[in-house]
Amino acid sequence: MQKSLYFFLNQIKINKKNSTSFAQLKHFFNWRNSLTPEATSVKDEQPWITFDVIGFLKENVNSQSAVFEYGGGGSTLFFVKSAKEVVTVEHNKEWFELLSQQLKDKKRTNWKGKYVGAQKGNIFPAHDRANPEHYSSDDEASKGYNYKEYVLVIDAFADGYFDFVLVDGRSRASCIMHSIRKIKSGGYLILDNSDRLYYLEQTKEAIQKYFEVVINHFGASPYFNSFTKTTVWRKK
């Protein structure tokens, strides 16, 4: 415990200017427990985002909430326990089938899932991961592919349909832009790993026009050694 506490305190020191500092200590025991070999996001039915945002969602997602997720997993199992409706699009077929079986076994009827894999070919030859119109992703497996069909799944819903949209999958800049109109006034856009600045290079202006920041600091996250950032915006 002493070693892990030292590490945690060091993370607070490293991120002092960009976190809630020592307020993160309240998450220490949950963070330490999440690093044990038997702990996983799916087993714990917990999103893989910062503890501060997990707490925010516990307080705000309710039986009237409609939720959309780019990328499924522990967050899906978390949302279906509280929300009225959860819609998930997932790009990994094997993972989608595993998640679907989990929800079937739990007899969850408030979930709609869709598997949409990447399409071969870059939409633009010199694709830019920060450009929402390029529908690209920077991971090695995505080279030579695009995620336009994956991103467009949310377009099947009416404007202002969702109370929460969690962007935690592929082509996140593109996901952000397509999500904006689909979130109702007073609803929330959530971006995981928002410390990766290229997600916001070409989406920041649109976000600032329609949203206000609720949570935007580095903090402890389950299943991950270093502090990271999950940002929450509220639609005006």
C-alpha atoms as a PDB file:
ATOM      1  CA  MET A   1       0.000   0.000   0.000  1.00  0.00           C
ATOM      2  CA  GLN A   2       2.797   2.420   0.839  1.00  0.00           C
ATOM      3  CA  LYS A   3       4.321   2.042  -2.626  1.00  0.00           C
ATOM      4  CA  SER A   4       1.005   2.587  -4.423  1.00  0.00           C
ATOM      5  CA  LEU A   5       0.180   5.609  -2.228  1.00  0.00           C
ATOM      6  CA  TYR A   6       3.570   7.125  -3.049  1.00  0.00           C
ATOM      7  CA  PHE A   7       2.879   6.600  -6.755  1.00  0.00           C
ATOM      8  CA  PHE A   8      -0.582   8.154  -6.441  1.00  0.00           C
ATOM      9  CA  LEU A   9       0.771  11.195  -4.596  1.00  0.00           C
ATOM     10  CA  ASN A  10       3.419  11.574  -7.272  1.00  0.00           C
ATOM     11  CA  GLN A  11       0.714  11.645  -9.924  1.00  0.00           C
ATOM     12  CA  ILE A  12      -1.022  14.421  -7.998  1.00  0.00           C
ATOM     13  CA  LYS A  13       2.261  16.335  -7.915  1.00  0.00           C
ATOM     14  CA  ILE A  14       2.899  15.835 -11.647  1.00  0.00           C
ATOM     15  CA  ASN A  15      -0.597  17.008 -12.558  1.00  0.00           C
ATOM     16  CA  LYS A  16      -0.895  19.706  -9.900  1.00  0.00           C
ATOM     17  CA  LYS A  17      -1.676  22.481 -12.377  1.00  0.00           C
ATOM     18  CA  ASN A  18      -4.185  20.404 -14.327  1.00  0.00           C
ATOM     19  CA  SER A  19      -6.076  18.407 -11.715  1.00  0.00           C
ATOM     20  CA  THR A  20      -8.129  18.869  -8.582  1.00  0.00           C
ATOM     21  CA  SER A  21      -4.898  18.160  -6.721  1.00  0.00           C
ATOM     22  CA  PHE A  22      -5.345  16.473  -3.332  1.00  0.00           C
ATOM     23  CA  ALA A  23      -9.090  16.102  -3.866  1.00  0.00           C
ATOM     24  CA  GLN A  24      -8.077  13.065  -5.946  1.00  0.00           C
ATOM     25  CA  LEU A  25      -7.072  11.259  -2.758  1.00  0.00           C
ATOM     26  CA  LYS A  26     -10.707  10.290  -2.191  1.00  0.00           C
ATOM     27  CA  HIS A  27     -10.320   7.935  -5.170  1.00  0.00           C
ATOM     28  CA  PHE A  28      -7.153   6.237  -3.932  1.00  0.00           C
ATOM     29  CA  PHE A  29      -8.635   2.983  -2.602  1.00  0.00           C
ATOM     30  CA  ASN A  30     -10.963   2.505  -5.592  1.00  0.00           C
ATOM     31  CA  TRP A  31      -8.025   3.196  -7.912  1.00  0.00           C
ATOM     32  CA  ARG A  32      -5.734   0.745  -6.107  1.00  0.00           C
ATOM     33  CA  ASN A  33      -8.404  -1.977  -6.117  1.00  0.00           C
ATOM     34  CA  SER A  34      -8.942  -1.506  -9.852  1.00  0.00           C
ATOM     35  CA  LEU A  35      -5.305  -2.440 -10.529  1.00  0.00           C
ATOM     36  CA  THR A  36      -5.631  -5.952  -9.076  1.00  0.00           C
ATOM     37  CA  PRO A  37      -5.394  -8.787 -11.667  1.00  0.00           C
ATOM     38  CA  GLU A  38      -9.028  -9.844 -11.242  1.00  0.00           C
ATOM     39  CA  ALA A  39     -10.475  -6.370 -11.758  1.00  0.00           C
ATOM     40  CA  THR A  40     -11.755  -5.416 -15.222  1.00  0.00           C
ATOM     41  CA  SER A  41     -14.079  -2.750 -16.528  1.00  0.00           C
ATOM     42  CA  VAL A  42     -16.604  -5.347 -17.722  1.00  0.00           C
ATOM     43  CA  LYS A  43     -16.508  -7.422 -14.528  1.00  0.00           C
ATOM     44  CA  ASP A  44     -16.909  -4.292 -12.397  1.00  0.00           C
ATOM     45  CA  GLU A  45     -19.553  -2.827 -14.739  1.00  0.00           C
ATOM     46  CA  GLN A  46     -17.656   0.430 -14.604  1.00  0.00           C
ATOM     47  CA  PRO A  47     -16.630   2.919 -17.313  1.00  0.00           C
ATOM     48  CA  TRP A  48     -12.946   3.279 -18.050  1.00  0.00           C
ATOM     49  CA  ILE A  49     -12.965   7.050 -17.534  1.00  0.00           C
ATOM     50  CA  THR A  50     -11.906   9.259 -14.621  1.00  0.00           C
ATOM     51  CA  PHE A  51     -13.483   8.604 -11.227  1.00  0.00           C
ATOM     52  CA  ASP A  52     -14.746  12.189 -11.083  1.00  0.00           C
ATOM     53  CA  VAL A  53     -16.789  11.658 -14.244  1.00  0.00           C
ATOM     54  CA  ILE A  54     -17.983   8.232 -13.059  1.00  0.00           C
ATOM     55  CA  GLY A  55     -19.300   9.974  -9.946  1.00  0.00           C
ATOM     56  CA  PHE A  56     -20.946  12.654 -12.083  1.00  0.00           C
ATOM     57  CA  LEU A  57     -22.709  10.008 -14.175  1.00  0.00           C
ATOM     58  CA  LYS A  58     -23.914   8.139 -11.083  1.00  0.00           C
ATOM     59  CA  GLU A  59     -25.570  11.343  -9.917  1.00  0.00           C
ATOM     60  CA  ASN A  60     -27.069  12.373 -13.249  1.00  0.00           C
ATOM     61  CA  VAL A  61     -28.005   9.326 -15.337  1.00  0.00           C
ATOM     62  CA  ASN A  62     -31.546   8.254 -14.430  1.00  0.00           C
ATOM     63  CA  SER A  63     -34.551   6.266 -15.588  1.00  0.00           C
ATOM     64  CA  GLN A  64     -35.447   8.965 -18.130  1.00  0.00           C
ATOM     65  CA  SER A  65     -31.999   9.213 -19.709  1.00  0.00           C
ATOM     66  CA  ALA A  66     -31.181   8.294 -23.305  1.00  0.00           C
ATOM     67  CA  VAL A  67     -27.495   7.471 -23.770  1.00  0.00           C
ATOM     68  CA  PHE A  68     -25.387   6.994 -26.896  1.00  0.00           C
ATOM     69  CA  GLU A  69     -21.919   5.443 -26.795  1.00  0.00           C
ATOM     70  CA  TYR A  70     -19.154   5.378 -29.352  1.00  0.00           C
ATOM     71  CA  GLY A  71     -17.365   2.296 -28.044  1.00  0.00           C
ATOM     72  CA  GLY A  72     -18.907  -0.224 -25.665  1.00  0.00           C
ATOM     73  CA  GLY A  73     -17.697  -2.141 -22.614  1.00  0.00           C
ATOM     74  CA  GLY A  74     -17.916  -1.583 -18.883  1.00  0.00           C
ATOM     75  CA  SER A  75     -19.600   1.738 -19.593  1.00  0.00           C
ATOM     76  CA  THR A  76     -22.434  -0.082 -21.379  1.00  0.00           C
ATOM     77  CA  LEU A  77     -23.036  -2.361 -18.400  1.00  0.00           C
ATOM     78  CA  PHE A  78     -22.900   0.704 -16.152  1.00  0.00           C
ATOM     79  CA  PHE A  79     -25.410   2.731 -18.180  1.00  0.00           C
ATOM     80  CA  VAL A  80     -28.014  -0.008 -18.674  1.00  0.00           C
ATOM     81  CA  LYS A  81     -28.481  -0.273 -14.897  1.00  0.00           C
ATOM     82  CA  SER A  82     -29.779   3.307 -14.665  1.00  0.00           C
ATOM     83  CA  ALA A  83     -30.735   4.719 -18.066  1.00  0.00           C
ATOM     84  CA  LYS A  84     -33.994   4.379 -19.959  1.00  0.00           C
ATOM     85  CA  GLU A  85     -32.220   3.633 -23.241  1.00  0.00           C
ATOM     86  CA  VAL A  86     -28.614   2.906 -24.194  1.00  0.00           C
ATOM     87  CA  VAL A  87     -27.400   2.786 -27.794  1.00  0.00           C
ATOM     88  CA  THR A  88     -23.881   1.537 -28.520  1.00  0.00           C
ATOM     89  CA  VAL A  89     -21.879   1.360 -31.734  1.00  0.00           C
ATOM     90  CA  GLU A  90     -18.754  -0.788 -31.616  1.00  0.00           C
ATOM     91  CA  HIS A  91     -16.056  -1.289 -34.271  1.00  0.00           C
ATOM     92  CA  ASN A  92     -14.537  -4.526 -32.926  1.00  0.00           C
ATOM     93  CA  LYS A  93     -16.657  -7.547 -33.879  1.00  0.00           C
ATOM     94  CA  GLU A  94     -15.265  -9.972 -31.312  1.00  0.00           C
ATOM     95  CA  TRP A  95     -15.667  -7.448 -28.511  1.00  0.00           C
ATOM     96  CA  PHE A  96     -19.196  -6.575 -29.697  1.00  0.00           C
ATOM     97  CA  GLU A  97     -20.249 -10.231 -29.631  1.00  0.00           C
ATOM     98  CA  LEU A  98     -18.842 -10.653 -26.115  1.00  0.00           C
ATOM     99  CA  LEU A  99     -20.643  -7.542 -24.916  1.00  0.00           C
ATOM    100  CA  SER A 100     -23.899  -8.592 -26.577  1.00  0.00           C
ATOM    101  CA  GLN A 101     -23.782 -11.956 -24.812  1.00  0.00           C
ATOM    102  CA  GLN A 102     -23.162 -10.265 -21.465  1.00  0.00           C
ATOM    103  CA  LEU A 103     -26.240  -8.071 -21.913  1.00  0.00           C
ATOM    104  CA  LYS A 104     -28.325 -11.007 -23.105  1.00  0.00           C
ATOM    105  CA  ASP A 105     -27.312 -13.028 -20.045  1.00  0.00           C
ATOM    106  CA  LYS A 106     -28.291 -10.126 -17.810  1.00  0.00           C
ATOM    107  CA  LYS A 107     -31.644  -9.868 -19.640  1.00  0.00           C
ATOM    108  CA  ARG A 108     -31.193  -6.176 -20.348  1.00  0.00           C
ATOM    109  CA  THR A 109     -33.932  -4.919 -22.662  1.00  0.00           C
ATOM    110  CA  ASN A 110     -33.000  -1.227 -22.691  1.00  0.00           C
ATOM    111  CA  TRP A 111     -29.915  -1.695 -24.876  1.00  0.00           C
ATOM    112  CA  LYS A 112     -29.519  -1.435 -28.637  1.00  0.00           C
ATOM    113  CA  GLY A 113     -26.123  -2.357 -30.016  1.00  0.00           C
ATOM    114  CA  LYS A 114     -24.680  -2.165 -33.489  1.00  0.00           C
ATOM    115  CA  TYR A 115     -21.428  -3.517 -34.843  1.00  0.00           C
ATOM    116  CA  VAL A 116     -19.957  -1.367 -37.615  1.00  0.00           C
ATOM    117  CA  GLY A 117     -16.422  -2.194 -38.660  1.00  0.00           C
ATOM    118  CA  ALA A 118     -14.026   0.059 -40.523  1.00  0.00           C
ATOM    119  CA  GLN A 119     -14.326   0.445 -44.294  1.00  0.00           C
ATOM    120  CA  LYS A 120     -11.270  -0.058 -46.463  1.00  0.00           C
ATOM    121  CA  GLY A 121      -9.708   3.065 -47.921  1.00  0.00           C
ATOM    122  CA  ASN A 122      -8.897   6.552 -46.718  1.00  0.00           C
ATOM    123  CA  ILE A 123     -11.521   9.147 -47.624  1.00  0.00           C
ATOM    124  CA  PHE A 124      -8.702  11.629 -48.219  1.00  0.00           C
ATOM    125  CA  PRO A 125      -5.262  10.430 -49.433  1.00  0.00           C
ATOM    126  CA  ALA A 126      -3.389  12.539 -46.898  1.00  0.00           C
ATOM    127  CA  HIS A 127      -5.804  11.871 -44.084  1.00  0.00           C
ATOM    128  CA  ASP A 128      -5.725  13.991 -40.938  1.00  0.00           C
ATOM    129  CA  ARG A 129      -6.789  12.345 -37.680  1.00  0.00           C
ATOM    130  CA  ALA A 130      -7.857  15.770 -36.330  1.00  0.00           C
ATOM    131  CA  ASN A 131     -10.150  16.582 -39.256  1.00  0.00           C
ATOM    132  CA  PRO A 132     -13.757  15.503 -38.572  1.00  0.00           C
ATOM    133  CA  GLU A 133     -14.418  15.134 -42.296  1.00  0.00           C
ATOM    134  CA  HIS A 134     -11.705  12.501 -42.721  1.00  0.00           C
ATOM    135  CA  TYR A 135     -13.262   9.857 -40.406  1.00  0.00           C
ATOM    136  CA  SER A 136      -9.823   8.448 -39.675  1.00  0.00           C
ATOM    137  CA  SER A 137      -8.088   6.972 -36.659  1.00  0.00           C
ATOM    138  CA  ASP A 138      -4.411   6.921 -35.777  1.00  0.00           C
ATOM    139  CA  ASP A 139      -3.998   3.398 -34.387  1.00  0.00           C
ATOM    140  CA  GLU A 140      -1.962   0.901 -36.380  1.00  0.00           C
ATOM    141  CA  ALA A 141      -4.908  -1.389 -37.191  1.00  0.00           C
ATOM    142  CA  SER A 142      -6.821   1.529 -38.740  1.00  0.00           C
ATOM    143  CA  LYS A 143      -4.219   2.431 -41.351  1.00  0.00           C
ATOM    144  CA  GLY A 144      -5.811   2.387 -44.789  1.00  0.00           C
ATOM    145  CA  TYR A 145      -9.346   2.343 -43.342  1.00  0.00           C
ATOM    146  CA  ASN A 146     -12.043   4.881 -42.451  1.00  0.00           C
ATOM    147  CA  TYR A 147     -14.852   4.930 -39.877  1.00  0.00           C
ATOM    148  CA  LYS A 148     -17.490   6.996 -41.644  1.00  0.00           C
ATOM    149  CA  GLU A 149     -20.277   4.392 -41.390  1.00  0.00           C
ATOM    150  CA  TYR A 150     -19.418   3.859 -37.716  1.00  0.00           C
ATOM    151  CA  VAL A 151     -19.618   7.581 -36.971  1.00  0.00           C
ATOM    152  CA  LEU A 152     -22.858   8.061 -38.931  1.00  0.00           C
ATOM    153  CA  VAL A 153     -24.851   5.612 -36.775  1.00  0.00           C
ATOM    154  CA  ILE A 154     -25.945   8.472 -34.507  1.00  0.00           C
ATOM    155  CA  ASP A 155     -27.430  10.322 -37.497  1.00  0.00           C
ATOM    156  CA  ALA A 156     -30.347   7.868 -37.546  1.00  0.00           C
ATOM    157  CA  PHE A 157     -31.704   9.616 -34.438  1.00  0.00           C
ATOM    158  CA  ALA A 158     -33.562  12.913 -34.248  1.00  0.00           C
ATOM    159  CA  ASP A 159     -31.757  16.082 -33.268  1.00  0.00           C
ATOM    160  CA  GLY A 160     -31.842  16.596 -29.502  1.00  0.00           C
ATOM    161  CA  TYR A 161     -32.585  12.915 -28.846  1.00  0.00           C
ATOM    162  CA  PHE A 162     -29.872  12.052 -26.347  1.00  0.00           C
ATOM    163  CA  ASP A 163     -29.206  13.191 -22.792  1.00  0.00           C
ATOM    164  CA  PHE A 164     -25.659  11.802 -22.823  1.00  0.00           C
ATOM    165  CA  VAL A 165     -23.186  10.978 -25.571  1.00  0.00           C
ATOM    166  CA  LEU A 166     -19.943   9.268 -24.584  1.00  0.00           C
ATOM    167  CA  VAL A 167     -17.170   9.460 -27.189  1.00  0.00           C
ATOM    168  CA  ASP A 168     -14.683   6.707 -26.371  1.00  0.00           C
ATOM    169  CA  GLY A 169     -14.132   4.848 -29.631  1.00  0.00           C
ATOM    170  CA  ARG A 170     -12.622   5.441 -33.059  1.00  0.00           C
ATOM    171  CA  SER A 171     -12.424   8.664 -35.104  1.00  0.00           C
ATOM    172  CA  ARG A 172     -13.328  10.798 -32.111  1.00  0.00           C
ATOM    173  CA  ALA A 173     -13.110  14.190 -33.800  1.00  0.00           C
ATOM    174  CA  SER A 174     -15.702  12.986 -36.314  1.00  0.00           C
ATOM    175  CA  CYS A 175     -17.858  11.494 -33.527  1.00  0.00           C
ATOM    176  CA  ILE A 176     -17.862  14.817 -31.695  1.00  0.00           C
ATOM    177  CA  MET A 177     -19.107  16.757 -34.707  1.00  0.00           C
ATOM    178  CA  HIS A 178     -21.919  14.323 -35.455  1.00  0.00           C
ATOM    179  CA  SER A 179     -22.960  14.235 -31.795  1.00  0.00           C
ATOM    180  CA  ILE A 180     -23.490  17.962 -31.314  1.00  0.00           C
ATOM    181  CA  ARG A 181     -26.932  18.181 -32.929  1.00  0.00           C
ATOM    182  CA  LYS A 182     -28.096  14.931 -31.363  1.00  0.00           C
ATOM    183  CA  ILE A 183     -27.683  16.104 -27.758  1.00  0.00           C
ATOM    184  CA  LYS A 184     -30.634  17.925 -26.228  1.00  0.00           C
ATOM    185  CA  SER A 185     -30.338  21.267 -24.472  1.00  0.00           C
ATOM    186  CA  GLY A 186     -29.117  20.521 -20.965  1.00  0.00           C
ATOM    187  CA  GLY A 187     -27.630  17.218 -22.143  1.00  0.00           C
ATOM    188  CA  TYR A 188     -23.981  16.217 -21.935  1.00  0.00           C
ATOM    189  CA  LEU A 189     -21.109  15.442 -24.287  1.00  0.00           C
ATOM    190  CA  ILE A 190     -18.385  13.323 -22.686  1.00  0.00           C
ATOM    191  CA  LEU A 191     -14.965  12.844 -24.301  1.00  0.00           C
ATOM    192  CA  ASP A 192     -12.522  10.365 -22.840  1.00  0.00           C
ATOM    193  CA  ASN A 193      -8.754  10.909 -23.174  1.00  0.00           C
ATOM    194  CA  SER A 194      -9.385  14.569 -23.927  1.00  0.00           C
ATOM    195  CA  ASP A 195      -5.742  15.253 -23.089  1.00  0.00           C
ATOM    196  CA  ARG A 196      -5.036  14.003 -26.632  1.00  0.00           C
ATOM    197  CA  LEU A 197      -5.285  17.492 -28.039  1.00  0.00           C
ATOM    198  CA  TYR A 198      -5.842  16.513 -31.666  1.00  0.00           C
ATOM    199  CA  TYR A 199      -9.392  15.420 -30.785  1.00  0.00           C
ATOM    200  CA  LEU A 200     -10.175  19.085 -30.171  1.00  0.00           C
ATOM    201  CA  GLU A 201      -7.954  20.846 -32.715  1.00  0.00           C
ATOM    202  CA  GLN A 202     -10.781  21.238 -35.228  1.00  0.00           C
ATOM    203  CA  THR A 203     -13.802  20.648 -32.995  1.00  0.00           C
ATOM    204  CA  LYS A 204     -13.073  23.127 -30.194  1.00  0.00           C
ATOM    205  CA  GLU A 205     -14.819  26.068 -31.855  1.00  0.00           C
ATOM    206  CA  ALA A 206     -18.064  24.146 -32.387  1.00  0.00           C
ATOM    207  CA  ILE A 207     -17.995  22.792 -28.844  1.00  0.00           C
ATOM    208  CA  GLN A 208     -17.483  26.255 -27.371  1.00  0.00           C
ATOM    209  CA  LYS A 209     -20.396  27.587 -29.427  1.00  0.00           C
ATOM    210  CA  TYR A 210     -22.930  25.068 -28.135  1.00  0.00           C
ATOM    211  CA  PHE A 211     -21.553  23.800 -24.815  1.00  0.00           C
ATOM    212  CA  GLU A 212     -20.143  24.886 -21.486  1.00  0.00           C
ATOM    213  CA  VAL A 213     -17.516  22.952 -19.527  1.00  0.00           C
ATOM    214  CA  VAL A 214     -18.616  20.944 -16.490  1.00  0.00           C
ATOM    215  CA  ILE A 215     -15.521  18.799 -15.775  1.00  0.00           C
ATOM    216  CA  ASN A 216     -12.140  19.290 -17.430  1.00  0.00           C
ATOM    217  CA  HIS A 217      -9.161  18.241 -15.341  1.00  0.00           C
ATOM    218  CA  PHE A 218      -6.697  15.393 -15.006  1.00  0.00           C
ATOM    219  CA  GLY A 219      -7.631  12.770 -12.458  1.00  0.00           C
ATOM    220  CA  ALA A 220      -7.389   9.166 -11.379  1.00  0.00           C
ATOM    221  CA  SER A 221      -8.934   6.564 -13.641  1.00  0.00           C
ATOM    222  CA  PRO A 222      -9.589   2.884 -12.887  1.00  0.00           C
ATOM    223  CA  TYR A 223      -7.363   0.252 -14.512  1.00  0.00           C
ATOM    224  CA  PHE A 224      -4.726   2.827 -15.469  1.00  0.00           C
ATOM    225  CA  ASN A 225      -1.548   3.854 -13.677  1.00  0.00           C
ATOM    226  CA  SER A 226      -1.242   7.461 -14.804  1.00  0.00           C
ATOM    227  CA  PHE A 227      -3.764  10.237 -14.388  1.00  0.00           C
ATOM    228  CA  THR A 228      -5.753  11.030 -17.505  1.00  0.00           C
ATOM    229  CA  LYS A 229      -8.495  13.436 -18.537  1.00  0.00           C
ATOM    230  CA  THR A 230     -12.185  12.917 -19.314  1.00  0.00           C
ATOM    231  CA  THR A 231     -14.043  16.106 -20.210  1.00  0.00           C
ATOM    232  CA  VAL A 232     -17.760  16.744 -19.736  1.00  0.00           C
ATOM    233  CA  TRP A 233     -19.611  19.558 -21.492  1.00  0.00           C
ATOM    234  CA  ARG A 234     -23.236  20.636 -20.945  1.00  0.00           C
ATOM    235  CA  LYS A 235     -25.247  21.812 -23.943  1.00  0.00           C
ATOM    236  CA  LYS A 236     -26.539  25.355 -23.571  1.00  0.00           C
END
